[in-house]
Full PDB file with SEQRES, HELIX, SHEET, SSBOND, CRYST1, ORIGX, SCALE, CONECT and MASTER records, all heavy atoms in Angstrom:
SEQRES   1 A   34  PHE TYR GLY GLU GLN LEU PRO ALA LEU MET MET PHE VAL          
SEQRES   2 A   34  GLY THR GLY ALA GLY GLY GLY LEU HIS THR SER ASP PHE          
SEQRES   3 A   34  LEU PRO GLY ASP ASP ASP VAL ARG                              
HELIX    1 AA1 ASP A   30  ASP A   32  5                                   3    
CRYST1    1.000    1.000    1.000  90.00  90.00  90.00 P 1           1          
ORIGX1      1.000000  0.000000  0.000000        0.00000                         
ORIGX2      0.000000  1.000000  0.000000        0.00000                         
ORIGX3      0.000000  0.000000  1.000000        0.00000                         
SCALE1      1.000000  0.000000  0.000000        0.00000                         
SCALE2      0.000000  1.000000  0.000000        0.00000                         
SCALE3      0.000000  0.000000  1.000000        0.00000                         
ATOM      1  N   PHE A   1      20.704 -28.948   6.353  1.00  0.00           N  
ATOM      2  CA  PHE A   1      21.329 -30.125   5.752  1.00  0.00           C  
ATOM      3  C   PHE A   1      21.854 -29.829   4.351  1.00  0.00           C  
ATOM      4  O   PHE A   1      22.846 -30.422   3.920  1.00  0.00           O  
ATOM      5  CB  PHE A   1      20.347 -31.291   5.708  1.00  0.00           C  
ATOM      6  CG  PHE A   1      20.140 -31.958   7.045  1.00  0.00           C  
ATOM      7  CD1 PHE A   1      18.942 -31.821   7.729  1.00  0.00           C  
ATOM      8  CD2 PHE A   1      21.147 -32.716   7.622  1.00  0.00           C  
ATOM      9  CE1 PHE A   1      18.746 -32.434   8.958  1.00  0.00           C  
ATOM     10  CE2 PHE A   1      20.966 -33.326   8.858  1.00  0.00           C  
ATOM     11  CZ  PHE A   1      19.763 -33.185   9.525  1.00  0.00           C  
ATOM     12  N   TYR A   2      21.196 -28.910   3.628  1.00  0.00           N  
ATOM     13  CA  TYR A   2      21.717 -28.520   2.312  1.00  0.00           C  
ATOM     14  C   TYR A   2      23.047 -27.791   2.474  1.00  0.00           C  
ATOM     15  O   TYR A   2      23.996 -28.007   1.720  1.00  0.00           O  
ATOM     16  CB  TYR A   2      20.719 -27.623   1.587  1.00  0.00           C  
ATOM     17  CG  TYR A   2      19.345 -28.243   1.385  1.00  0.00           C  
ATOM     18  CD1 TYR A   2      18.207 -27.645   1.928  1.00  0.00           C  
ATOM     19  CD2 TYR A   2      19.180 -29.419   0.667  1.00  0.00           C  
ATOM     20  CE1 TYR A   2      16.950 -28.194   1.750  1.00  0.00           C  
ATOM     21  CE2 TYR A   2      17.923 -29.987   0.483  1.00  0.00           C  
ATOM     22  CZ  TYR A   2      16.807 -29.365   1.033  1.00  0.00           C  
ATOM     23  OH  TYR A   2      15.562 -29.926   0.867  1.00  0.00           O  
ATOM     24  N   GLY A   3      23.108 -26.907   3.470  1.00  0.00           N  
ATOM     25  CA  GLY A   3      24.306 -26.107   3.669  1.00  0.00           C  
ATOM     26  C   GLY A   3      25.520 -26.890   4.121  1.00  0.00           C  
ATOM     27  O   GLY A   3      26.641 -26.392   4.044  1.00  0.00           O  
ATOM     28  N   GLU A   4      25.318 -28.111   4.630  1.00  0.00           N  
ATOM     29  CA  GLU A   4      26.455 -28.943   4.989  1.00  0.00           C  
ATOM     30  C   GLU A   4      27.286 -29.330   3.767  1.00  0.00           C  
ATOM     31  O   GLU A   4      28.491 -29.569   3.883  1.00  0.00           O  
ATOM     32  CB  GLU A   4      25.992 -30.215   5.697  1.00  0.00           C  
ATOM     33  CG  GLU A   4      25.636 -30.044   7.149  1.00  0.00           C  
ATOM     34  CD  GLU A   4      25.529 -31.368   7.865  1.00  0.00           C  
ATOM     35  OE1 GLU A   4      24.856 -32.287   7.358  1.00  0.00           O  
ATOM     36  OE2 GLU A   4      26.119 -31.493   8.960  1.00  0.00           O  
ATOM     37  N   GLN A   5      26.658 -29.399   2.592  1.00  0.00           N  
ATOM     38  CA  GLN A   5      27.358 -29.875   1.403  1.00  0.00           C  
ATOM     39  C   GLN A   5      27.378 -28.880   0.253  1.00  0.00           C  
ATOM     40  O   GLN A   5      28.129 -29.073  -0.709  1.00  0.00           O  
ATOM     41  CB  GLN A   5      26.712 -31.184   0.919  1.00  0.00           C  
ATOM     42  CG  GLN A   5      26.751 -32.312   1.944  1.00  0.00           C  
ATOM     43  CD  GLN A   5      26.156 -33.594   1.412  1.00  0.00           C  
ATOM     44  OE1 GLN A   5      26.374 -33.973   0.257  1.00  0.00           O  
ATOM     45  NE2 GLN A   5      25.397 -34.296   2.249  1.00  0.00           N  
ATOM     46  N   LEU A   6      26.549 -27.835   0.338  1.00  0.00           N  
ATOM     47  CA  LEU A   6      26.433 -26.883  -0.759  1.00  0.00           C  
ATOM     48  C   LEU A   6      26.466 -25.449  -0.229  1.00  0.00           C  
ATOM     49  O   LEU A   6      26.067 -25.210   0.910  1.00  0.00           O  
ATOM     50  CB  LEU A   6      25.097 -27.074  -1.488  1.00  0.00           C  
ATOM     51  CG  LEU A   6      24.854 -28.380  -2.230  1.00  0.00           C  
ATOM     52  CD1 LEU A   6      23.371 -28.519  -2.559  1.00  0.00           C  
ATOM     53  CD2 LEU A   6      25.690 -28.428  -3.503  1.00  0.00           C  
ATOM     54  N   PRO A   7      26.913 -24.480  -1.058  1.00  0.00           N  
ATOM     55  CA  PRO A   7      26.675 -23.088  -0.690  1.00  0.00           C  
ATOM     56  C   PRO A   7      25.167 -22.867  -0.545  1.00  0.00           C  
ATOM     57  O   PRO A   7      24.395 -23.241  -1.435  1.00  0.00           O  
ATOM     58  CB  PRO A   7      27.238 -22.295  -1.879  1.00  0.00           C  
ATOM     59  CG  PRO A   7      28.196 -23.233  -2.543  1.00  0.00           C  
ATOM     60  CD  PRO A   7      27.632 -24.613  -2.347  1.00  0.00           C  
ATOM     61  N   ALA A   8      24.745 -22.309   0.566  1.00  0.00           N  
ATOM     62  CA  ALA A   8      23.312 -22.187   0.836  1.00  0.00           C  
ATOM     63  C   ALA A   8      23.022 -20.859   1.517  1.00  0.00           C  
ATOM     64  O   ALA A   8      23.864 -20.309   2.231  1.00  0.00           O  
ATOM     65  CB  ALA A   8      22.821 -23.346   1.699  1.00  0.00           C  
ATOM     66  N   LEU A   9      21.808 -20.375   1.298  1.00  0.00           N  
ATOM     67  CA  LEU A   9      21.376 -19.118   1.906  1.00  0.00           C  
ATOM     68  C   LEU A   9      19.914 -19.230   2.299  1.00  0.00           C  
ATOM     69  O   LEU A   9      19.058 -19.540   1.466  1.00  0.00           O  
ATOM     70  CB  LEU A   9      21.549 -17.959   0.918  1.00  0.00           C  
ATOM     71  CG  LEU A   9      20.951 -16.609   1.352  1.00  0.00           C  
ATOM     72  CD1 LEU A   9      21.641 -16.072   2.603  1.00  0.00           C  
ATOM     73  CD2 LEU A   9      21.023 -15.589   0.217  1.00  0.00           C  
ATOM     74  N   MET A  10      19.632 -18.976   3.571  1.00  0.00           N  
ATOM     75  CA  MET A  10      18.262 -18.868   4.068  1.00  0.00           C  
ATOM     76  C   MET A  10      18.006 -17.421   4.468  1.00  0.00           C  
ATOM     77  O   MET A  10      18.728 -16.859   5.305  1.00  0.00           O  
ATOM     78  CB  MET A  10      18.032 -19.784   5.266  1.00  0.00           C  
ATOM     79  CG  MET A  10      16.704 -19.560   5.997  1.00  0.00           C  
ATOM     80  SD  MET A  10      15.240 -19.783   4.965  1.00  0.00           S  
ATOM     81  CE  MET A  10      15.209 -21.591   4.882  1.00  0.00           C  
ATOM     82  N   MET A  11      16.990 -16.823   3.856  1.00  0.00           N  
ATOM     83  CA  MET A  11      16.576 -15.465   4.197  1.00  0.00           C  
ATOM     84  C   MET A  11      15.270 -15.506   4.975  1.00  0.00           C  
ATOM     85  O   MET A  11      14.442 -16.393   4.774  1.00  0.00           O  
ATOM     86  CB  MET A  11      16.397 -14.637   2.916  1.00  0.00           C  
ATOM     87  CG  MET A  11      17.699 -14.372   2.183  1.00  0.00           C  
ATOM     88  SD  MET A  11      17.443 -13.814   0.479  1.00  0.00           S  
ATOM     89  CE  MET A  11      17.046 -15.374  -0.336  1.00  0.00           C  
ATOM     90  N   PHE A  12      15.084 -14.537   5.858  1.00  0.00           N  
ATOM     91  CA  PHE A  12      13.859 -14.417   6.633  1.00  0.00           C  
ATOM     92  C   PHE A  12      13.151 -13.134   6.214  1.00  0.00           C  
ATOM     93  O   PHE A  12      13.757 -12.057   6.214  1.00  0.00           O  
ATOM     94  CB  PHE A  12      14.166 -14.423   8.127  1.00  0.00           C  
ATOM     95  CG  PHE A  12      14.831 -15.705   8.576  1.00  0.00           C  
ATOM     96  CD1 PHE A  12      16.206 -15.771   8.709  1.00  0.00           C  
ATOM     97  CD2 PHE A  12      14.081 -16.839   8.819  1.00  0.00           C  
ATOM     98  CE1 PHE A  12      16.831 -16.943   9.107  1.00  0.00           C  
ATOM     99  CE2 PHE A  12      14.695 -18.024   9.205  1.00  0.00           C  
ATOM    100  CZ  PHE A  12      16.069 -18.072   9.355  1.00  0.00           C  
ATOM    101  N   VAL A  13      11.886 -13.279   5.855  1.00  0.00           N  
ATOM    102  CA  VAL A  13      11.138 -12.203   5.211  1.00  0.00           C  
ATOM    103  C   VAL A  13      10.068 -11.675   6.159  1.00  0.00           C  
ATOM    104  O   VAL A  13       9.234 -12.439   6.657  1.00  0.00           O  
ATOM    105  CB  VAL A  13      10.484 -12.719   3.905  1.00  0.00           C  
ATOM    106  CG1 VAL A  13       9.728 -11.589   3.206  1.00  0.00           C  
ATOM    107  CG2 VAL A  13      11.548 -13.310   2.975  1.00  0.00           C  
ATOM    108  N   GLY A  14      10.087 -10.378   6.407  1.00  0.00           N  
ATOM    109  CA  GLY A  14       9.135  -9.763   7.309  1.00  0.00           C  
ATOM    110  C   GLY A  14       7.718  -9.764   6.765  1.00  0.00           C  
ATOM    111  O   GLY A  14       7.483  -9.848   5.558  1.00  0.00           O  
ATOM    112  N   THR A  15       6.756  -9.696   7.667  1.00  0.00           N  
ATOM    113  CA  THR A  15       5.344  -9.701   7.299  1.00  0.00           C  
ATOM    114  C   THR A  15       4.576  -8.779   8.236  1.00  0.00           C  
ATOM    115  O   THR A  15       4.950  -8.601   9.391  1.00  0.00           O  
ATOM    116  CB  THR A  15       4.754 -11.126   7.381  1.00  0.00           C  
ATOM    117  OG1 THR A  15       3.338 -11.056   7.164  1.00  0.00           O  
ATOM    118  CG2 THR A  15       4.997 -11.768   8.739  1.00  0.00           C  
ATOM    119  N   GLY A  16       3.513  -8.231   7.730  1.00  0.00           N  
ATOM    120  CA  GLY A  16       2.655  -7.419   8.579  1.00  0.00           C  
ATOM    121  C   GLY A  16       1.611  -8.238   9.314  1.00  0.00           C  
ATOM    122  O   GLY A  16       0.771  -7.680  10.019  1.00  0.00           O  
ATOM    123  N   ALA A  17       1.668  -9.572   9.167  1.00  0.00           N  
ATOM    124  CA  ALA A  17       0.658 -10.436   9.782  1.00  0.00           C  
ATOM    125  C   ALA A  17       0.781 -10.424  11.299  1.00  0.00           C  
ATOM    126  O   ALA A  17       1.879 -10.390  11.852  1.00  0.00           O  
ATOM    127  CB  ALA A  17       0.806 -11.864   9.259  1.00  0.00           C  
ATOM    128  N   GLY A  18      -0.361 -10.491  11.959  1.00  0.00           N  
ATOM    129  CA  GLY A  18      -0.359 -10.623  13.404  1.00  0.00           C  
ATOM    130  C   GLY A  18      -0.180 -12.071  13.811  1.00  0.00           C  
ATOM    131  O   GLY A  18      -0.126 -12.979  12.982  1.00  0.00           O  
ATOM    132  N   GLY A  19      -0.098 -12.306  15.104  1.00  0.00           N  
ATOM    133  CA  GLY A  19       0.086 -13.667  15.593  1.00  0.00           C  
ATOM    134  C   GLY A  19       1.512 -14.126  15.392  1.00  0.00           C  
ATOM    135  O   GLY A  19       2.388 -13.378  14.967  1.00  0.00           O  
ATOM    136  N   GLY A  20       1.743 -15.372  15.692  1.00  0.00           N  
ATOM    137  CA  GLY A  20       3.087 -15.912  15.578  1.00  0.00           C  
ATOM    138  C   GLY A  20       3.072 -17.228  14.845  1.00  0.00           C  
ATOM    139  O   GLY A  20       2.030 -17.873  14.667  1.00  0.00           O  
ATOM    140  N   LEU A  21       4.244 -17.650  14.396  1.00  0.00           N  
ATOM    141  CA  LEU A  21       4.382 -18.939  13.730  1.00  0.00           C  
ATOM    142  C   LEU A  21       3.819 -20.051  14.615  1.00  0.00           C  
ATOM    143  O   LEU A  21       3.954 -20.017  15.839  1.00  0.00           O  
ATOM    144  CB  LEU A  21       5.850 -19.212  13.421  1.00  0.00           C  
ATOM    145  CG  LEU A  21       6.542 -18.262  12.435  1.00  0.00           C  
ATOM    146  CD1 LEU A  21       8.036 -18.512  12.435  1.00  0.00           C  
ATOM    147  CD2 LEU A  21       5.978 -18.416  11.035  1.00  0.00           C  
ATOM    148  N   HIS A  22       3.175 -21.022  13.976  1.00  0.00           N  
ATOM    149  CA  HIS A  22       2.642 -22.210  14.653  1.00  0.00           C  
ATOM    150  C   HIS A  22       1.474 -21.868  15.582  1.00  0.00           C  
ATOM    151  O   HIS A  22       1.228 -22.584  16.555  1.00  0.00           O  
ATOM    152  CB  HIS A  22       3.733 -22.960  15.426  1.00  0.00           C  
ATOM    153  CG  HIS A  22       4.770 -23.594  14.545  1.00  0.00           C  
ATOM    154  ND1 HIS A  22       5.488 -24.714  14.924  1.00  0.00           N  
ATOM    155  CD2 HIS A  22       5.192 -23.287  13.301  1.00  0.00           C  
ATOM    156  CE1 HIS A  22       6.331 -25.042  13.949  1.00  0.00           C  
ATOM    157  NE2 HIS A  22       6.163 -24.177  12.956  1.00  0.00           N  
ATOM    158  N   THR A  23       0.750 -20.797  15.296  1.00  0.00           N  
ATOM    159  CA  THR A  23      -0.455 -20.480  16.058  1.00  0.00           C  
ATOM    160  C   THR A  23      -1.672 -20.535  15.139  1.00  0.00           C  
ATOM    161  O   THR A  23      -1.563 -20.375  13.919  1.00  0.00           O  
ATOM    162  CB  THR A  23      -0.368 -19.089  16.709  1.00  0.00           C  
ATOM    163  OG1 THR A  23      -0.220 -18.084  15.695  1.00  0.00           O  
ATOM    164  CG2 THR A  23       0.811 -19.016  17.667  1.00  0.00           C  
ATOM    165  N   SER A  24      -2.838 -20.749  15.719  1.00  0.00           N  
ATOM    166  CA  SER A  24      -4.041 -21.021  14.935  1.00  0.00           C  
ATOM    167  C   SER A  24      -4.551 -19.814  14.162  1.00  0.00           C  
ATOM    168  O   SER A  24      -5.364 -19.964  13.242  1.00  0.00           O  
ATOM    169  CB  SER A  24      -5.152 -21.542  15.846  1.00  0.00           C  
ATOM    170  OG  SER A  24      -5.555 -20.536  16.772  1.00  0.00           O  
ATOM    171  N   ASP A  25      -4.100 -18.597  14.516  1.00  0.00           N  
ATOM    172  CA  ASP A  25      -4.574 -17.404  13.830  1.00  0.00           C  
ATOM    173  C   ASP A  25      -3.491 -16.743  12.984  1.00  0.00           C  
ATOM    174  O   ASP A  25      -3.653 -15.606  12.533  1.00  0.00           O  
ATOM    175  CB  ASP A  25      -5.138 -16.395  14.834  1.00  0.00           C  
ATOM    176  CG  ASP A  25      -4.093 -15.941  15.854  1.00  0.00           C  
ATOM    177  OD1 ASP A  25      -3.009 -16.562  15.939  1.00  0.00           O  
ATOM    178  OD2 ASP A  25      -4.368 -14.957  16.581  1.00  0.00           O  
ATOM    179  N   PHE A  26      -2.390 -17.453  12.733  1.00  0.00           N  
ATOM    180  CA  PHE A  26      -1.300 -16.862  11.953  1.00  0.00           C  
ATOM    181  C   PHE A  26      -1.662 -16.912  10.472  1.00  0.00           C  
ATOM    182  O   PHE A  26      -1.892 -17.986   9.912  1.00  0.00           O  
ATOM    183  CB  PHE A  26       0.003 -17.611  12.202  1.00  0.00           C  
ATOM    184  CG  PHE A  26       1.167 -17.043  11.426  1.00  0.00           C  
ATOM    185  CD1 PHE A  26       1.594 -15.745  11.643  1.00  0.00           C  
ATOM    186  CD2 PHE A  26       1.828 -17.807  10.469  1.00  0.00           C  
ATOM    187  CE1 PHE A  26       2.657 -15.215  10.932  1.00  0.00           C  
ATOM    188  CE2 PHE A  26       2.892 -17.291   9.757  1.00  0.00           C  
ATOM    189  CZ  PHE A  26       3.314 -15.985   9.989  1.00  0.00           C  
ATOM    190  N   LEU A  27      -1.673 -15.741   9.825  1.00  0.00           N  
ATOM    191  CA  LEU A  27      -2.084 -15.678   8.426  1.00  0.00           C  
ATOM    192  C   LEU A  27      -1.339 -14.553   7.708  1.00  0.00           C  
ATOM    193  O   LEU A  27      -1.789 -13.405   7.710  1.00  0.00           O  
ATOM    194  CB  LEU A  27      -3.594 -15.455   8.315  1.00  0.00           C  
ATOM    195  CG  LEU A  27      -4.166 -15.577   6.903  1.00  0.00           C  
ATOM    196  CD1 LEU A  27      -4.180 -17.036   6.450  1.00  0.00           C  
ATOM    197  CD2 LEU A  27      -5.575 -15.000   6.855  1.00  0.00           C  
ATOM    198  N   PRO A  28      -0.209 -14.854   7.083  1.00  0.00           N  
ATOM    199  CA  PRO A  28       0.458 -13.841   6.266  1.00  0.00           C  
ATOM    200  C   PRO A  28      -0.468 -13.361   5.156  1.00  0.00           C  
ATOM    201  O   PRO A  28      -1.328 -14.106   4.663  1.00  0.00           O  
ATOM    202  CB  PRO A  28       1.658 -14.597   5.695  1.00  0.00           C  
ATOM    203  CG  PRO A  28       1.878 -15.747   6.624  1.00  0.00           C  
ATOM    204  CD  PRO A  28       0.511 -16.127   7.109  1.00  0.00           C  
ATOM    205  N   GLY A  29      -0.292 -12.110   4.738  1.00  0.00           N  
ATOM    206  CA  GLY A  29      -1.119 -11.555   3.674  1.00  0.00           C  
ATOM    207  C   GLY A  29      -0.710 -12.072   2.302  1.00  0.00           C  
ATOM    208  O   GLY A  29       0.384 -12.617   2.115  1.00  0.00           O  
ATOM    209  N   ASP A  30      -1.586 -11.894   1.332  1.00  0.00           N  
ATOM    210  CA  ASP A  30      -1.263 -12.325  -0.031  1.00  0.00           C  
ATOM    211  C   ASP A  30      -0.063 -11.575  -0.588  1.00  0.00           C  
ATOM    212  O   ASP A  30       0.675 -12.104  -1.427  1.00  0.00           O  
ATOM    213  CB  ASP A  30      -2.477 -12.113  -0.934  1.00  0.00           C  
ATOM    214  CG  ASP A  30      -3.563 -13.152  -0.688  1.00  0.00           C  
ATOM    215  OD1 ASP A  30      -3.245 -14.219  -0.116  1.00  0.00           O  
ATOM    216  OD2 ASP A  30      -4.721 -12.900  -1.076  1.00  0.00           O  
ATOM    217  N   ASP A  31       0.148 -10.338  -0.140  1.00  0.00           N  
ATOM    218  CA  ASP A  31       1.301  -9.584  -0.624  1.00  0.00           C  
ATOM    219  C   ASP A  31       2.612 -10.218  -0.165  1.00  0.00           C  
ATOM    220  O   ASP A  31       3.660  -9.963  -0.748  1.00  0.00           O  
ATOM    221  CB  ASP A  31       1.225  -8.125  -0.155  1.00  0.00           C  
ATOM    222  CG  ASP A  31       2.119  -7.215  -0.988  1.00  0.00           C  
ATOM    223  OD1 ASP A  31       2.139  -7.383  -2.225  1.00  0.00           O  
ATOM    224  OD2 ASP A  31       2.799  -6.348  -0.413  1.00  0.00           O  
ATOM    225  N   ASP A  32       2.547 -11.058   0.865  1.00  0.00           N  
ATOM    226  CA  ASP A  32       3.756 -11.732   1.312  1.00  0.00           C  
ATOM    227  C   ASP A  32       4.243 -12.764   0.296  1.00  0.00           C  
ATOM    228  O   ASP A  32       5.419 -13.142   0.313  1.00  0.00           O  
ATOM    229  CB  ASP A  32       3.531 -12.393   2.675  1.00  0.00           C  
ATOM    230  CG  ASP A  32       3.441 -11.375   3.802  1.00  0.00           C  
ATOM    231  OD1 ASP A  32       4.194 -10.385   3.754  1.00  0.00           O  
ATOM    232  OD2 ASP A  32       2.613 -11.551   4.711  1.00  0.00           O  
ATOM    233  N   VAL A  33       3.367 -13.231  -0.580  1.00  0.00           N  
ATOM    234  CA  VAL A  33       3.822 -14.092  -1.678  1.00  0.00           C  
ATOM    235  C   VAL A  33       4.832 -13.323  -2.530  1.00  0.00           C  
ATOM    236  O   VAL A  33       5.868 -13.855  -2.936  1.00  0.00           O  
ATOM    237  CB  VAL A  33       2.638 -14.577  -2.535  1.00  0.00           C  
ATOM    238  CG1 VAL A  33       3.138 -15.388  -3.732  1.00  0.00           C  
ATOM    239  CG2 VAL A  33       1.671 -15.402  -1.699  1.00  0.00           C  
ATOM    240  N   ARG A  34       4.536 -12.053  -2.795  1.00  0.00           N  
ATOM    241  CA  ARG A  34       5.467 -11.219  -3.558  1.00  0.00           C  
ATOM    242  C   ARG A  34       6.799 -11.066  -2.824  1.00  0.00           C  
ATOM    243  O   ARG A  34       7.868 -11.215  -3.431  1.00  0.00           O  
ATOM    244  CB  ARG A  34       4.867  -9.838  -3.810  1.00  0.00           C  
ATOM    245  CG  ARG A  34       5.895  -8.813  -4.332  1.00  0.00           C  
ATOM    246  CD  ARG A  34       5.331  -7.420  -4.549  1.00  0.00           C  
ATOM    247  NE  ARG A  34       4.615  -7.357  -5.821  1.00  0.00           N  
ATOM    248  CZ  ARG A  34       3.297  -7.327  -5.932  1.00  0.00           C  
ATOM    249  NH1 ARG A  34       2.546  -7.358  -4.821  1.00  0.00           N  
ATOM    250  NH2 ARG A  34       2.723  -7.267  -7.104  1.00  0.00           N  
TER     251      ARG A  34                                                      
MASTER        0    0    0    1    0    0    0    6  250    1    0    3          
END                                                                             
């Protein structure tokens, strides 16, 4: 919705975490904050 009216960029950042998004054991590491 932002990109409909503004220049916008969404990046996807890799992680070494196991599991998948929206699962009960998904836990990115603290280094992923960096």
